[in-house]
């Protein structure tokens, strides 16, 4: 195996570049999926808050405060 690297020294650089590129793509997708998940949760909260009726409107009792 090491004879292969001795015969083709640029193979080591290509392998290192491939590993670095794979790591970069993984990090980008990992962080992008977290932002999408947070955005979905935020939009679900605002949608739920907009469609829910306040508790005091359905009970008929005035809110004390």
Protein backbone atom coordinates (compact mmCIF):
# COMPACT_ATOMS: atom_id res chain seq x y z
CA UNK A 1 0.00 0.00 0.00
CA UNK A 2 2.79 2.42 0.86
CA UNK A 3 4.46 1.58 -2.44
CA UNK A 4 1.42 3.06 -4.13
CA UNK A 5 1.95 6.35 -2.30
CA UNK A 6 5.66 6.27 -3.15
CA UNK A 7 4.85 5.70 -6.79
CA UNK A 8 2.08 8.35 -6.91
CA UNK A 9 2.82 11.01 -4.27
CA UNK A 10 -0.05 13.25 -5.44
CA UNK A 11 -2.46 10.48 -4.48
CA UNK A 12 -1.95 11.42 -0.84
CA UNK A 13 -2.89 15.05 -1.57
CA UNK A 14 -5.94 13.96 -3.54
CA UNK A 15 -7.03 11.68 -0.70
CA UNK A 16 -6.57 14.48 1.83
CA UNK A 17 -8.53 16.90 -0.37
CA UNK A 18 -11.36 14.38 -0.73
CA UNK A 19 -11.55 13.91 3.03
CA UNK A 20 -11.53 17.68 3.62
CA UNK A 21 -14.27 18.23 1.02
CA UNK A 22 -16.39 15.47 2.53
CA UNK A 23 -16.00 16.99 5.98
CA UNK A 24 -16.96 20.44 4.65
CA UNK A 25 -20.09 19.11 2.95
CA UNK A 26 -21.07 17.21 6.10
CA UNK A 27 -20.68 20.31 8.28
CA UNK A 28 -22.68 22.48 5.87
CA UNK A 29 -25.58 20.01 5.69
CA UNK A 30 -25.47 19.42 9.44
CA UNK A 31 -25.78 23.11 10.24
CA UNK A 32 -28.31 23.81 7.49
CA UNK A 33 -30.63 21.07 8.73
CA UNK A 34 -30.56 22.59 12.21
CA UNK A 35 -31.65 25.97 10.88
CA UNK A 36 -34.47 24.39 8.89
CA UNK A 37 -35.64 22.48 11.94
CA UNK A 38 -35.61 25.63 14.08
CA UNK A 39 -37.47 27.57 11.39
CA UNK A 40 -40.11 24.84 11.17
CA UNK A 41 -40.61 24.87 14.93
CA UNK A 42 -40.85 28.67 14.96
CA UNK A 43 -43.40 28.72 12.13
CA UNK A 44 -45.41 25.99 13.84
CA UNK A 45 -45.48 28.05 17.04
CA UNK A 46 -46.64 31.21 15.28
CA UNK A 47 -49.24 29.31 13.26
CA UNK A 48 -50.54 27.61 16.37
CA UNK A 49 -50.64 30.91 18.28
CA UNK A 50 -52.53 32.62 15.45
CA UNK A 51 -55.15 29.87 15.09
CA UNK A 52 -55.78 29.16 18.77
CA UNK A 53 -58.51 31.10 20.51
CA UNK A 54 -57.62 32.71 23.82
CA UNK A 55 -58.89 30.76 26.82
CA UNK A 56 -60.91 33.68 28.24
CA UNK A 57 -62.92 34.10 25.00
CA UNK A 58 -64.39 30.60 25.23
CA UNK A 59 -65.04 30.38 28.97
CA UNK A 60 -67.16 33.51 29.27
CA UNK A 61 -65.37 34.56 32.45
CA UNK A 62 -63.43 37.81 32.38
CA UNK A 63 -59.72 37.47 32.88
CA UNK A 64 -58.48 38.57 36.25
CA UNK A 65 -55.21 40.32 36.27
